[in-house]
C-alpha cells in the first residue's frame, strides 16, 4: 500500500421500511415447484421400496443358505444315528453281549416251546352253548348227561 493514499470509508444508513410491501405470488412457478417436489417424493419412495425389496431378498437368501446348512447337518446326524442303530441291532453283537455280559447260555431242547407248529387248542374242546338242548324229562344238557 505504499504510495497510495488511504481514503476514509464512510457509510450512510438509509432507513427503509418494507413492512407494507407484499411479494407477488407467481402461480406458474408455484405449480412447477410443487410438481418437482411431488416427483422427487415419488422417486424417493420408489428408491426406498426398491431398497427394502433388495435387502429382503438378500436376507431371504441368507436364511435359505442357513437352512440348507442346517438340513445338511441334520442329514449327516440322521445317517450317523442309522449307522449306530444298525450297529446296536446286530444279532452277533447282541448274542456276544448276552453270553459274556449277562452270562446267558443257549436254551436246551427241553426249554424250547414250539410256536405255531402244533395246535394250541385242546383235543376235546367244550364250547359254550346259547340255549342248552334238554332231553325230555332231564334238566341237564345232552352233552353233560352222556359224560
Protein backbone atom coordinates (compact mmCIF):
# COMPACT_ATOMS: atom_id res chain seq x y z
CA UNK A 1 0.00 0.00 0.00
CA UNK A 2 2.93 2.18 -0.28
CA UNK A 3 2.33 5.20 -2.40
CA UNK A 4 -1.44 5.06 -2.23
CA UNK A 5 -3.43 7.43 -0.24
CA UNK A 6 -5.97 5.87 2.01
CA UNK A 7 -9.41 7.32 1.92
CA UNK A 8 -11.64 7.04 4.91
CA UNK A 9 -14.62 4.69 4.43
CA UNK A 10 -17.86 6.41 5.07
CA UNK A 11 -21.11 4.53 5.49
CA UNK A 12 -24.53 6.08 5.26
CA UNK A 13 -27.59 4.48 6.86
CA UNK A 14 -30.80 4.63 4.90
CA UNK A 15 -33.93 4.00 6.86
CA UNK A 16 -36.23 1.98 4.56
CA UNK A 17 -39.49 0.48 5.78
CA UNK A 18 -40.57 -2.52 3.64
CA UNK A 19 -43.19 -3.84 6.07
CA UNK A 20 -46.09 -2.70 3.91
CA UNK A 21 -44.82 -4.42 0.78
CA UNK A 22 -46.18 -7.83 -0.30
CA UNK A 23 -44.45 -10.13 -2.70
CA UNK A 24 -46.45 -11.06 -5.74
CA UNK A 25 -47.04 -14.85 -5.95
CA UNK A 26 -46.30 -16.43 -9.30
CA UNK A 27 -48.77 -19.31 -9.77
CA UNK A 28 -46.84 -20.93 -12.58
CA UNK A 29 -43.62 -21.06 -10.53
CA UNK A 30 -45.57 -22.46 -7.56
CA UNK A 31 -47.06 -25.28 -9.69
CA UNK A 32 -43.63 -26.08 -11.09
CA UNK A 33 -42.13 -26.18 -7.59
CA UNK A 34 -44.90 -28.46 -6.24
CA UNK A 35 -44.61 -30.70 -9.30
CA UNK A 36 -40.85 -31.11 -8.77
CA UNK A 37 -41.42 -31.73 -5.06
CA UNK A 38 -44.02 -34.46 -5.86
CA UNK A 39 -41.78 -36.05 -8.47
CA UNK A 40 -38.85 -36.06 -6.04
CA UNK A 41 -41.06 -37.61 -3.35
CA UNK A 42 -42.19 -40.35 -5.73
CA UNK A 43 -38.61 -41.10 -6.76
CA UNK A 44 -37.59 -41.22 -3.11
CA UNK A 45 -40.46 -43.62 -2.25
CA UNK A 46 -39.64 -45.88 -5.21
CA UNK A 47 -35.99 -45.88 -4.13
CA UNK A 48 -37.00 -46.86 -0.57
CA UNK A 49 -39.29 -49.60 -1.90
CA UNK A 50 -36.56 -50.96 -4.17
CA UNK A 51 -34.04 -50.90 -1.32
CA UNK A 52 -36.48 -52.66 1.02
CA UNK A 53 -37.18 -55.39 -1.55
CA UNK A 54 -33.49 -55.80 -2.34
CA UNK A 55 -32.48 -56.17 1.30
CA UNK A 56 -35.42 -58.54 1.95
CA UNK A 57 -34.22 -60.68 -0.97
CA UNK A 58 -30.69 -60.71 0.40
CA UNK A 59 -31.97 -61.58 3.89
CA UNK A 60 -34.07 -64.44 2.49
CA UNK A 61 -31.04 -65.69 0.56
CA UNK A 62 -29.03 -65.85 3.79
CA UNK A 63 -31.90 -67.66 5.53
CA UNK A 64 -32.10 -70.20 2.68
CA UNK A 65 -28.37 -70.86 2.90
CA UNK A 66 -28.59 -71.22 6.68
CA UNK A 67 -31.49 -73.68 6.34
CA UNK A 68 -29.58 -75.66 3.70
CA UNK A 69 -26.61 -75.94 6.05
CA UNK A 70 -28.92 -76.97 8.88
CA UNK A 71 -30.57 -79.59 6.65
CA UNK A 72 -27.17 -80.95 5.65
CA UNK A 73 -26.14 -81.20 9.31
CA UNK A 74 -29.40 -82.96 10.19
CA UNK A 75 -29.00 -85.41 7.30
CA UNK A 76 -25.44 -86.18 8.48
CA UNK A 77 -26.71 -86.67 12.04
CA UNK A 78 -29.55 -88.91 10.76
CA UNK A 79 -27.02 -91.00 8.83
CA UNK A 80 -24.89 -91.40 11.97
CA UNK A 81 -27.95 -92.40 14.02
CA UNK A 82 -28.98 -95.00 11.42
CA UNK A 83 -25.45 -96.47 11.47
CA UNK A 84 -25.47 -96.56 15.25
CA UNK A 85 -28.91 -98.20 15.25
CA UNK A 86 -27.72 -100.82 12.75
CA UNK A 87 -24.62 -101.49 14.87
CA UNK A 88 -26.66 -101.81 18.07
CA UNK A 89 -29.25 -104.10 16.45
CA UNK A 90 -26.62 -106.51 15.07
CA UNK A 91 -27.62 -110.05 16.17
CA UNK A 92 -23.99 -111.17 16.60
CA UNK A 93 -23.30 -108.24 18.93
CA UNK A 94 -26.44 -108.94 20.95
CA UNK A 95 -25.51 -112.64 21.23
CA UNK A 96 -21.98 -111.76 22.35
CA UNK A 97 -23.29 -109.32 24.97
CA UNK A 98 -25.81 -111.87 26.21
CA UNK A 99 -23.19 -114.62 26.57
CA UNK A 100 -20.32 -112.60 28.04
CA UNK A 101 -22.00 -109.62 29.70
CA UNK A 102 -25.08 -111.30 31.17
CA UNK A 103 -23.85 -114.89 31.35
CA UNK A 104 -26.73 -116.30 29.31
CA UNK A 105 -26.46 -119.63 27.50
CA UNK A 106 -28.37 -121.07 24.56
CA UNK A 107 -31.60 -122.88 25.57
CA UNK A 108 -31.65 -126.67 25.88
CA UNK A 109 -34.08 -128.65 23.73
CA UNK A 110 -36.31 -129.25 26.81
CA UNK A 111 -36.68 -125.49 27.28
CA UNK A 112 -37.94 -124.92 23.76
CA UNK A 113 -41.65 -124.44 23.21
CA UNK A 114 -42.65 -124.68 19.57
CA UNK A 115 -44.83 -121.84 18.40
CA UNK A 116 -47.21 -122.37 15.52
CA UNK A 117 -46.18 -125.94 14.67
CA UNK A 118 -48.68 -127.66 17.00
CA UNK A 119 -52.27 -126.57 17.60
CA UNK A 120 -52.76 -124.86 20.90
CA UNK A 121 -56.44 -125.84 21.02
CA UNK A 122 -57.33 -128.68 23.41
CA UNK A 123 -58.15 -132.04 21.81
CA UNK A 124 -61.77 -132.14 23.01
CA UNK A 125 -62.83 -128.54 23.49
CA UNK A 126 -66.09 -127.74 25.24
CA UNK A 127 -67.79 -124.77 23.67
CA UNK A 128 -70.45 -122.70 25.36
CA UNK A 129 -73.95 -123.01 24.05
CA UNK A 130 -76.53 -120.28 24.00
CA UNK A 131 -79.56 -122.43 24.61
CA UNK A 132 -78.95 -125.86 26.08
CA UNK A 133 -80.85 -128.71 24.44
CA UNK A 134 -82.60 -130.68 27.13
CA UNK A 135 -83.68 -134.25 26.79
CA UNK A 136 -87.21 -134.97 27.66
CA UNK A 137 -87.54 -135.20 31.41
CA UNK A 138 -83.90 -134.21 32.08
CA UNK A 139 -82.67 -130.85 33.33
CA UNK A 140 -79.11 -131.36 32.06
CA UNK A 141 -77.92 -130.71 28.54
CA UNK A 142 -77.35 -133.71 26.31
CA UNK A 143 -73.55 -133.36 26.26
CA UNK A 144 -73.27 -133.26 30.03
CA UNK A 145 -75.66 -136.17 30.51
CA UNK A 146 -73.51 -138.52 28.39
CA UNK A 147 -70.32 -137.88 30.33
